[in-house]
């Protein structure tokens, strides 16, 4: 019975820790996110400057 409670306690701590890491943004911005934003901005600039036919 005690091992079940310990297992549930450890599992809940892992879940809460993962949630905190995900929501507090401890990892910062990834290189992929920055690259995607740069590419989207470049594409939007190209579309704005494209002549309409």
N, C-alpha and C. Protein backbone atom coordinates (compact mmCIF):
# COMPACT_ATOMS: atom_id res chain seq x y z
N UNK A 1 0.82 -1.19 0.00
CA UNK A 1 0.00 0.00 0.00
C UNK A 1 0.86 1.26 0.00
N UNK A 2 1.94 1.25 0.78
CA UNK A 2 2.81 2.42 0.84
C UNK A 2 3.52 2.66 -0.48
N UNK A 3 3.92 1.58 -1.15
CA UNK A 3 4.62 1.76 -2.42
C UNK A 3 3.70 2.37 -3.48
N UNK A 4 2.40 2.08 -3.40
CA UNK A 4 1.45 2.71 -4.33
C UNK A 4 1.37 4.21 -4.09
N UNK A 5 1.35 4.60 -2.83
CA UNK A 5 1.30 6.03 -2.51
C UNK A 5 2.58 6.74 -2.94
N UNK A 6 3.73 6.12 -2.74
CA UNK A 6 4.99 6.71 -3.17
C UNK A 6 5.03 6.85 -4.69
N UNK A 7 4.56 5.84 -5.39
CA UNK A 7 4.54 5.89 -6.85
C UNK A 7 3.64 7.01 -7.34
N UNK A 8 2.46 7.15 -6.76
CA UNK A 8 1.56 8.24 -7.14
C UNK A 8 2.16 9.60 -6.80
N UNK A 9 2.84 9.69 -5.67
CA UNK A 9 3.48 10.95 -5.28
C UNK A 9 4.58 11.36 -6.24
N UNK A 10 5.42 10.40 -6.63
CA UNK A 10 6.50 10.69 -7.57
C UNK A 10 5.92 11.04 -8.94
N UNK A 11 4.91 10.33 -9.38
CA UNK A 11 4.28 10.64 -10.66
C UNK A 11 3.68 12.03 -10.65
N UNK A 12 3.03 12.40 -9.56
CA UNK A 12 2.44 13.74 -9.50
C UNK A 12 3.52 14.82 -9.49
N UNK A 13 4.65 14.58 -8.84
CA UNK A 13 5.74 15.56 -8.85
C UNK A 13 6.33 15.71 -10.24
N UNK A 14 6.46 14.61 -10.98
CA UNK A 14 6.97 14.67 -12.35
C UNK A 14 6.01 15.46 -13.23
N UNK A 15 4.72 15.21 -13.09
CA UNK A 15 3.73 15.92 -13.89
C UNK A 15 3.72 17.41 -13.59
N UNK A 16 3.76 17.76 -12.31
CA UNK A 16 3.78 19.17 -11.93
C UNK A 16 5.07 19.83 -12.41
N UNK A 17 6.18 19.15 -12.29
CA UNK A 17 7.45 19.69 -12.78
C UNK A 17 7.43 19.94 -14.28
N UNK A 18 6.89 19.00 -15.04
CA UNK A 18 6.77 19.18 -16.48
C UNK A 18 5.85 20.33 -16.84
N UNK A 19 4.76 20.46 -16.10
CA UNK A 19 3.84 21.56 -16.34
C UNK A 19 4.51 22.91 -16.06
N UNK A 20 5.27 22.99 -14.97
CA UNK A 20 5.96 24.23 -14.63
C UNK A 20 6.99 24.60 -15.69
N UNK A 21 7.76 23.63 -16.12
CA UNK A 21 8.77 23.90 -17.15
C UNK A 21 8.11 24.38 -18.43
N UNK A 22 7.00 23.77 -18.79
CA UNK A 22 6.30 24.13 -20.02
C UNK A 22 5.70 25.52 -19.93
N UNK A 23 5.11 25.88 -18.80
CA UNK A 23 4.38 27.14 -18.69
C UNK A 23 5.24 28.31 -18.23
N UNK A 24 6.33 28.06 -17.58
CA UNK A 24 7.17 29.16 -17.13
C UNK A 24 8.23 29.53 -18.16
N UNK A 25 8.40 28.71 -19.17
CA UNK A 25 9.33 29.02 -20.24
C UNK A 25 10.79 29.01 -19.81
N UNK A 26 11.19 28.08 -18.99
CA UNK A 26 12.57 28.02 -18.53
C UNK A 26 13.54 27.74 -19.66
N UNK A 27 13.08 27.14 -20.72
CA UNK A 27 13.98 26.75 -21.80
C UNK A 27 14.25 27.90 -22.76
N UNK A 28 13.48 28.98 -22.66
CA UNK A 28 13.69 30.11 -23.55
C UNK A 28 13.19 29.80 -24.95
N UNK A 29 13.51 30.68 -25.87
CA UNK A 29 13.07 30.51 -27.24
C UNK A 29 14.05 29.59 -27.97
N UNK A 30 13.49 28.70 -28.73
CA UNK A 30 14.34 27.78 -29.46
C UNK A 30 14.81 28.41 -30.76
N UNK A 31 15.87 27.87 -31.29
CA UNK A 31 16.41 28.34 -32.57
C UNK A 31 15.38 28.14 -33.68
N UNK A 32 14.64 27.05 -33.63
CA UNK A 32 13.64 26.76 -34.64
C UNK A 32 12.54 27.82 -34.63
N UNK A 33 12.10 28.24 -33.46
CA UNK A 33 11.07 29.27 -33.36
C UNK A 33 11.55 30.58 -33.96
N UNK A 34 12.77 30.96 -33.64
CA UNK A 34 13.31 32.20 -34.19
C UNK A 34 13.45 32.12 -35.71
N UNK A 35 13.89 30.99 -36.21
CA UNK A 35 14.05 30.82 -37.65
C UNK A 35 12.69 30.86 -38.36
N UNK A 36 11.68 30.24 -37.77
CA UNK A 36 10.35 30.26 -38.37
C UNK A 36 9.79 31.68 -38.40
N UNK A 37 9.97 32.44 -37.32
CA UNK A 37 9.49 33.82 -37.30
C UNK A 37 10.19 34.66 -38.35
N UNK A 38 11.48 34.47 -38.50
CA UNK A 38 12.24 35.22 -39.50
C UNK A 38 11.75 34.89 -40.90
N UNK A 39 11.52 33.61 -41.16
CA UNK A 39 11.06 33.19 -42.48
C UNK A 39 9.64 33.70 -42.77
N UNK A 40 8.76 33.68 -41.78
CA UNK A 40 7.41 34.20 -41.96
C UNK A 40 7.43 35.71 -42.25
N UNK A 41 8.28 36.44 -41.54
CA UNK A 41 8.40 37.88 -41.78
C UNK A 41 8.93 38.15 -43.18
N UNK A 42 9.90 37.38 -43.60
CA UNK A 42 10.47 37.52 -44.94
C UNK A 42 9.41 37.22 -46.01
N UNK A 43 8.62 36.19 -45.79
CA UNK A 43 7.57 35.83 -46.74
C UNK A 43 6.50 36.92 -46.79
N UNK A 44 6.13 37.45 -45.63
CA UNK A 44 5.12 38.51 -45.60
C UNK A 44 5.62 39.76 -46.32
N UNK A 45 6.88 40.11 -46.15
CA UNK A 45 7.46 41.25 -46.83
C UNK A 45 7.45 41.04 -48.34
N UNK A 46 7.76 39.82 -48.78
CA UNK A 46 7.76 39.51 -50.21
C UNK A 46 6.34 39.62 -50.79
N UNK A 47 5.35 39.12 -50.06
CA UNK A 47 3.96 39.18 -50.53
C UNK A 47 3.48 40.63 -50.62
N UNK A 48 3.82 41.45 -49.63
CA UNK A 48 3.42 42.87 -49.63
C UNK A 48 4.03 43.62 -50.83
N UNK A 49 5.25 43.27 -51.18
CA UNK A 49 5.94 43.96 -52.25
C UNK A 49 5.66 43.39 -53.63
N UNK A 50 4.94 42.29 -53.70
CA UNK A 50 4.67 41.64 -55.00
C UNK A 50 3.60 42.43 -55.75
N UNK A 51 3.80 42.65 -57.05
CA UNK A 51 2.77 43.35 -57.82
C UNK A 51 1.54 42.47 -58.01
N UNK A 52 0.35 43.09 -57.96
CA UNK A 52 -0.88 42.34 -58.14
C UNK A 52 -1.21 42.30 -59.63
N UNK A 53 -1.59 41.17 -60.14
CA UNK A 53 -1.95 41.03 -61.56
C UNK A 53 -3.44 40.95 -61.72
